[in-house]
Amino acid sequence: MKTLCVTIITRNESGNIGECLDSVSFANQCVVLDSGSTDDTVELARARGAQVTVSSDWPGFGPQKNRALDLARGDWVLCLDADERVTPQLRAEIHAQIERYDAQPVAFEIPRLTQFCGVWIRHCGWTPDHVLRLFRLGQARFSDDLVHESLRPCVQGVRVVRLKNPLLHYSYPTPEHYWRKLERYSRDWARQRHARGQRASIGRAALSGLVAFVRSYVLRLGFLDGSMGFAVCTMQAQAAFGKYFELYVLSRHGSTQSSS
């Protein structure tokens, strides 16, 4: 049977890391790369047998996940976030598929089902959410993006196959978790785009928020998720506005410095 390594990056994930590692206890190796947790994330991970490494800096999500990949050993790699869980059904499918496609250059997309404040969101653009996470070691790497990183095959001829059983995503147990993540993502996204020379106006920020709401609530059927669907779509609109507003402020600051 082929060997499987699971990689996870963490920072202050004591509320998640135990259940995440428990759900992948079938893996041959679990790599946890921590970026300076001040809670007991590291201790909890080590207690479950994970190979834990602590990094002294934070280069962004993409580079950090590639660091975790560099620590992986084995035939296949499954990349997870600490707030995700592998169900028994998904576990069985993973085992079956990596044996079936062992001699072929393939990577697997997994459908992800996300929970918001205790409710599974099945529309709003959140579902279906296929994420590329399972691949042969050495055949894929993450982009260098600070946020919204993506996993990309790095060798020619890799075919992407979709699995059927969902990966469970407990991303936002409370609104506070959403706002905290939104603040961090908006700041990092804006700084990354500003460094690339991109600029934004307040009009672009406002339009982005409006378009995001219409897309998620109407076109992507968010209204079918009821009150929580409305909340998710409203927050997505705020997220779209927020990241462009951050970029607008950076752009304005740069223009002010140039004029002075």
Protein backbone atom coordinates (compact mmCIF):
# COMPACT_ATOMS: atom_id res chain seq x y z
CA MET A 1 0.00 0.00 0.00
CA LYS A 2 1.25 3.48 -0.88
CA THR A 3 2.27 5.85 1.90
CA LEU A 4 0.43 9.09 2.62
CA CYS A 5 1.68 12.23 4.35
CA VAL A 6 -0.65 14.98 5.64
CA THR A 7 0.68 18.54 5.91
CA ILE A 8 -0.92 21.26 8.04
CA ILE A 9 0.25 24.80 8.83
CA THR A 10 -0.89 26.28 12.14
CA ARG A 11 -0.92 29.30 14.39
CA ASN A 12 -3.01 29.28 17.56
CA GLU A 13 -5.19 26.37 16.40
CA SER A 14 -5.63 24.61 19.74
CA GLY A 15 -9.38 24.47 19.17
CA ASN A 16 -8.96 22.65 15.86
CA ILE A 17 -5.70 20.75 15.59
CA GLY A 18 -6.70 17.79 17.77
CA GLU A 19 -9.82 16.88 15.80
CA CYS A 20 -8.06 17.56 12.50
CA LEU A 21 -5.23 15.15 13.34
CA ASP A 22 -7.67 12.60 14.72
CA SER A 23 -9.48 12.59 11.38
CA VAL A 24 -6.24 11.73 9.52
CA SER A 25 -4.83 9.23 12.01
CA PHE A 26 -4.69 6.74 9.11
CA ALA A 27 -1.84 8.72 7.45
CA ASN A 28 1.71 7.37 7.61
CA GLN A 29 3.08 10.82 8.52
CA CYS A 30 1.51 14.06 9.74
CA VAL A 31 3.60 17.21 9.33
CA VAL A 32 2.57 20.28 11.35
CA LEU A 33 4.42 23.51 10.61
CA ASP A 34 3.63 26.07 13.28
CA SER A 35 4.37 29.79 13.01
CA GLY A 36 4.70 30.82 16.64
CA SER A 37 1.52 29.71 18.41
CA THR A 38 1.03 31.18 21.87
CA ASP A 39 -1.52 28.54 22.87
CA ASP A 40 -0.96 24.78 23.19
CA THR A 41 -1.27 23.94 19.49
CA VAL A 42 2.25 22.51 19.35
CA GLU A 43 1.80 20.35 22.44
CA LEU A 44 -1.54 18.99 21.24
CA ALA A 45 -0.09 18.12 17.83
CA ARG A 46 2.92 16.36 19.30
CA ALA A 47 0.71 14.42 21.70
CA ARG A 48 -1.07 12.97 18.66
CA GLY A 49 2.18 11.86 17.06
CA ALA A 50 2.58 14.63 14.52
CA GLN A 51 6.01 15.73 13.34
CA VAL A 52 5.99 19.35 14.51
CA THR A 53 8.33 22.08 13.31
CA VAL A 54 8.16 25.70 14.49
CA SER A 55 9.17 28.47 12.08
CA SER A 56 10.49 31.80 13.31
CA ASP A 57 8.87 33.94 10.63
CA TRP A 58 5.69 34.19 8.54
CA PRO A 59 6.30 34.42 4.76
CA GLY A 60 2.63 34.13 3.77
CA PHE A 61 0.27 31.21 3.22
CA GLY A 62 1.70 29.96 -0.08
CA PRO A 63 5.38 29.95 0.93
CA GLN A 64 4.57 28.50 4.36
CA LYS A 65 2.62 25.62 2.84
CA ASN A 66 5.53 24.91 0.51
CA ARG A 67 7.81 24.76 3.54
CA ALA A 68 5.50 22.11 4.98
CA LEU A 69 5.68 20.19 1.69
CA ASP A 70 9.47 20.19 1.94
CA LEU A 71 9.13 18.28 5.22
CA ALA A 72 6.86 15.61 3.75
CA ARG A 73 7.98 12.07 3.02
CA GLY A 74 6.18 9.27 1.22
CA ASP A 75 4.33 8.64 -2.02
CA TRP A 76 1.30 10.91 -1.72
CA VAL A 77 0.55 14.19 0.09
CA LEU A 78 -2.74 15.50 1.42
CA CYS A 79 -2.62 19.22 2.34
CA LEU A 80 -5.14 20.32 4.97
CA ASP A 81 -6.01 23.37 7.03
CA ALA A 82 -6.43 22.88 10.77
CA ASP A 83 -10.17 23.61 10.58
CA GLU A 84 -10.82 20.79 8.10
CA ARG A 85 -11.82 17.18 8.78
CA VAL A 86 -11.56 13.99 6.72
CA THR A 87 -14.63 11.82 7.09
CA PRO A 88 -14.44 7.99 7.13
CA GLN A 89 -16.07 7.98 3.68
CA LEU A 90 -13.46 10.35 2.29
CA ARG A 91 -10.70 8.34 3.93
CA ALA A 92 -11.86 5.17 2.15
CA GLU A 93 -12.10 7.01 -1.17
CA ILE A 94 -8.60 8.45 -0.79
CA HIS A 95 -7.12 5.01 -0.16
CA ALA A 96 -8.98 3.50 -3.11
CA GLN A 97 -8.05 6.26 -5.55
CA ILE A 98 -4.35 6.50 -4.77
CA GLU A 99 -4.08 2.74 -5.28
CA ARG A 100 -6.10 2.90 -8.48
CA TYR A 101 -4.12 5.77 -10.02
CA ASP A 102 -0.73 4.92 -8.55
CA ALA A 103 0.98 4.50 -11.92
CA GLN A 104 -0.60 7.63 -13.44
CA PRO A 105 0.31 11.33 -13.05
CA VAL A 106 -2.86 12.60 -11.36
CA ALA A 107 -3.87 15.04 -8.65
CA PHE A 108 -7.21 15.02 -6.85
CA GLU A 109 -9.72 17.78 -6.22
CA ILE A 110 -11.89 17.27 -3.14
CA PRO A 111 -15.35 18.85 -2.76
CA ARG A 112 -15.42 20.96 0.41
CA LEU A 113 -18.48 21.65 2.53
CA THR A 114 -18.16 24.70 4.79
CA GLN A 115 -19.98 25.42 8.03
CA PHE A 116 -20.88 28.96 9.11
CA CYS A 117 -22.04 29.54 12.71
CA GLY A 118 -23.17 25.93 13.02
CA VAL A 119 -24.99 25.77 9.66
CA TRP A 120 -23.73 23.98 6.53
CA ILE A 121 -23.78 26.42 3.63
CA ARG A 122 -24.78 24.69 0.40
CA HIS A 123 -24.96 27.67 -1.96
CA CYS A 124 -23.58 31.26 -1.95
CA GLY A 125 -20.66 30.15 -4.10
CA TRP A 126 -19.35 28.10 -1.18
CA THR A 127 -20.68 24.83 -2.57
CA PRO A 128 -19.53 23.21 -4.73
CA ASP A 129 -16.03 24.20 -3.68
CA HIS A 130 -13.50 21.84 -5.23
CA VAL A 131 -10.02 22.21 -3.75
CA LEU A 132 -6.87 20.60 -5.16
CA ARG A 133 -5.27 18.95 -2.13
CA LEU A 134 -4.13 15.38 -2.88
CA PHE A 135 -1.21 14.59 -5.18
CA ARG A 136 1.98 12.60 -5.58
CA LEU A 137 4.87 14.12 -3.66
CA GLY A 138 6.92 16.37 -5.92
CA GLN A 139 4.23 16.84 -8.56
CA ALA A 140 2.58 20.02 -7.21
CA ARG A 141 3.51 23.20 -5.33
CA PHE A 142 1.61 26.13 -3.89
CA SER A 143 1.72 29.57 -5.48
CA ASP A 144 3.75 32.21 -3.65
CA ASP A 145 0.68 34.32 -2.84
CA LEU A 146 0.48 35.72 0.68
CA VAL A 147 -3.25 34.86 0.76
CA HIS A 148 -5.63 32.91 -1.48
CA GLU A 149 -2.79 30.62 -2.48
CA SER A 150 -3.48 27.84 -4.97
CA LEU A 151 -1.95 24.41 -5.47
CA ARG A 152 -0.61 23.88 -8.98
CA PRO A 153 0.89 20.84 -10.69
CA CYS A 154 4.60 21.46 -11.32
CA VAL A 155 5.22 18.65 -13.82
CA GLN A 156 3.70 18.16 -17.24
CA GLY A 157 0.93 15.72 -17.92
CA VAL A 158 -0.74 15.76 -14.49
CA ARG A 159 -4.46 15.08 -14.85
CA VAL A 160 -6.91 16.39 -12.25
CA VAL A 161 -9.51 13.92 -10.97
CA ARG A 162 -12.40 14.88 -8.68
CA LEU A 163 -13.31 12.86 -5.63
CA LYS A 164 -16.94 12.46 -4.55
CA ASN A 165 -16.93 12.57 -0.74
CA PRO A 166 -16.64 16.04 0.85
CA LEU A 167 -13.97 17.47 3.09
CA LEU A 168 -15.66 19.12 6.08
CA HIS A 169 -14.62 22.73 6.72
CA TYR A 170 -15.38 24.21 10.16
CA SER A 171 -14.07 27.62 9.21
CA TYR A 172 -16.38 30.08 10.96
CA PRO A 173 -17.87 28.83 14.24
CA THR A 174 -18.71 32.42 15.25
CA PRO A 175 -18.94 35.80 13.45
CA GLU A 176 -15.83 36.83 15.38
CA HIS A 177 -13.80 34.17 13.57
CA TYR A 178 -15.01 35.50 10.23
CA TRP A 179 -14.13 39.12 11.01
CA ARG A 180 -10.72 38.18 12.36
CA LYS A 181 -9.87 36.17 9.26
CA LEU A 182 -11.33 38.85 6.99
CA GLU A 183 -9.17 41.56 8.54
CA ARG A 184 -6.01 39.54 8.03
CA TYR A 185 -6.83 38.43 4.50
CA SER A 186 -7.87 41.91 3.39
CA ARG A 187 -4.68 43.46 4.70
CA ASP A 188 -2.39 40.85 3.16
CA TRP A 189 -4.28 40.83 -0.16
CA ALA A 190 -4.10 44.62 -0.45
CA ARG A 191 -0.40 44.75 0.40
CA GLN A 192 0.37 42.06 -2.14
CA ARG A 193 -1.58 43.81 -4.91
CA HIS A 194 -0.10 47.20 -4.00
CA ALA A 195 3.41 45.75 -4.21
CA ARG A 196 2.57 44.58 -7.74
CA GLY A 197 1.57 48.10 -8.73
CA GLN A 198 -2.20 47.65 -8.63
CA ARG A 199 -4.34 50.60 -7.52
CA ALA A 200 -7.99 51.01 -6.54
CA SER A 201 -10.58 53.74 -6.13
CA ILE A 202 -13.36 54.07 -3.59
CA GLY A 203 -15.79 53.54 -6.46
CA ARG A 204 -14.13 50.22 -7.31
CA ALA A 205 -14.43 49.17 -3.68
CA ALA A 206 -18.14 50.02 -3.55
CA LEU A 207 -18.88 48.31 -6.86
CA SER A 208 -16.97 45.19 -5.82
CA GLY A 209 -19.10 44.89 -2.69
CA LEU A 210 -22.34 45.27 -4.63
CA VAL A 211 -21.33 42.80 -7.33
CA ALA A 212 -20.20 40.26 -4.70
CA PHE A 213 -23.60 40.36 -2.99
CA VAL A 214 -25.63 40.01 -6.19
CA ARG A 215 -23.41 37.20 -7.43
CA SER A 216 -23.53 35.15 -4.23
CA TYR A 217 -27.12 35.84 -3.13
CA VAL A 218 -28.89 35.80 -6.51
CA LEU A 219 -26.75 34.11 -9.15
CA ARG A 220 -25.30 31.52 -6.79
CA LEU A 221 -28.63 30.96 -5.00
CA GLY A 222 -27.55 32.14 -1.57
CA PHE A 223 -31.19 32.91 -0.74
CA LEU A 224 -31.81 29.15 -0.58
CA ASP A 225 -29.64 28.99 2.56
CA GLY A 226 -32.10 31.18 4.45
CA SER A 227 -31.02 33.69 7.06
CA MET A 228 -27.49 32.31 7.27
CA GLY A 229 -27.24 32.51 3.50
CA PHE A 230 -28.15 36.18 3.65
CA ALA A 231 -25.56 36.71 6.38
CA VAL A 232 -22.85 34.93 4.37
CA CYS A 233 -23.60 36.93 1.21
CA THR A 234 -23.63 40.21 3.15
CA MET A 235 -20.30 39.37 4.74
CA GLN A 236 -18.87 38.38 1.37
CA ALA A 237 -19.92 41.81 0.09
CA GLN A 238 -18.18 43.43 3.05
CA ALA A 239 -15.11 41.30 2.37
CA ALA A 240 -14.99 42.41 -1.27
CA PHE A 241 -15.41 46.05 -0.27
CA GLY A 242 -12.88 45.73 2.54
CA LYS A 243 -9.99 44.37 0.50
CA TYR A 244 -10.38 47.02 -2.22
CA PHE A 245 -10.79 49.71 0.41
CA GLU A 246 -7.51 48.58 1.98
CA LEU A 247 -5.90 48.81 -1.46
CA TYR A 248 -7.48 52.25 -2.01
CA VAL A 249 -5.99 53.53 1.23
CA LEU A 250 -2.55 52.21 0.27
CA SER A 251 -2.92 53.76 -3.19
CA ARG A 252 -3.97 57.08 -1.71
CA HIS A 253 -1.09 57.01 0.76
CA GLY A 254 1.36 56.35 -2.07
CA SER A 255 -0.10 59.18 -4.15
CA THR A 256 0.15 61.56 -1.20
CA GLN A 257 3.80 60.69 -0.70
CA SER A 258 4.53 61.17 -4.40
CA SER A 259 2.87 64.60 -4.49
CA SER A 260 4.78 65.74 -1.43
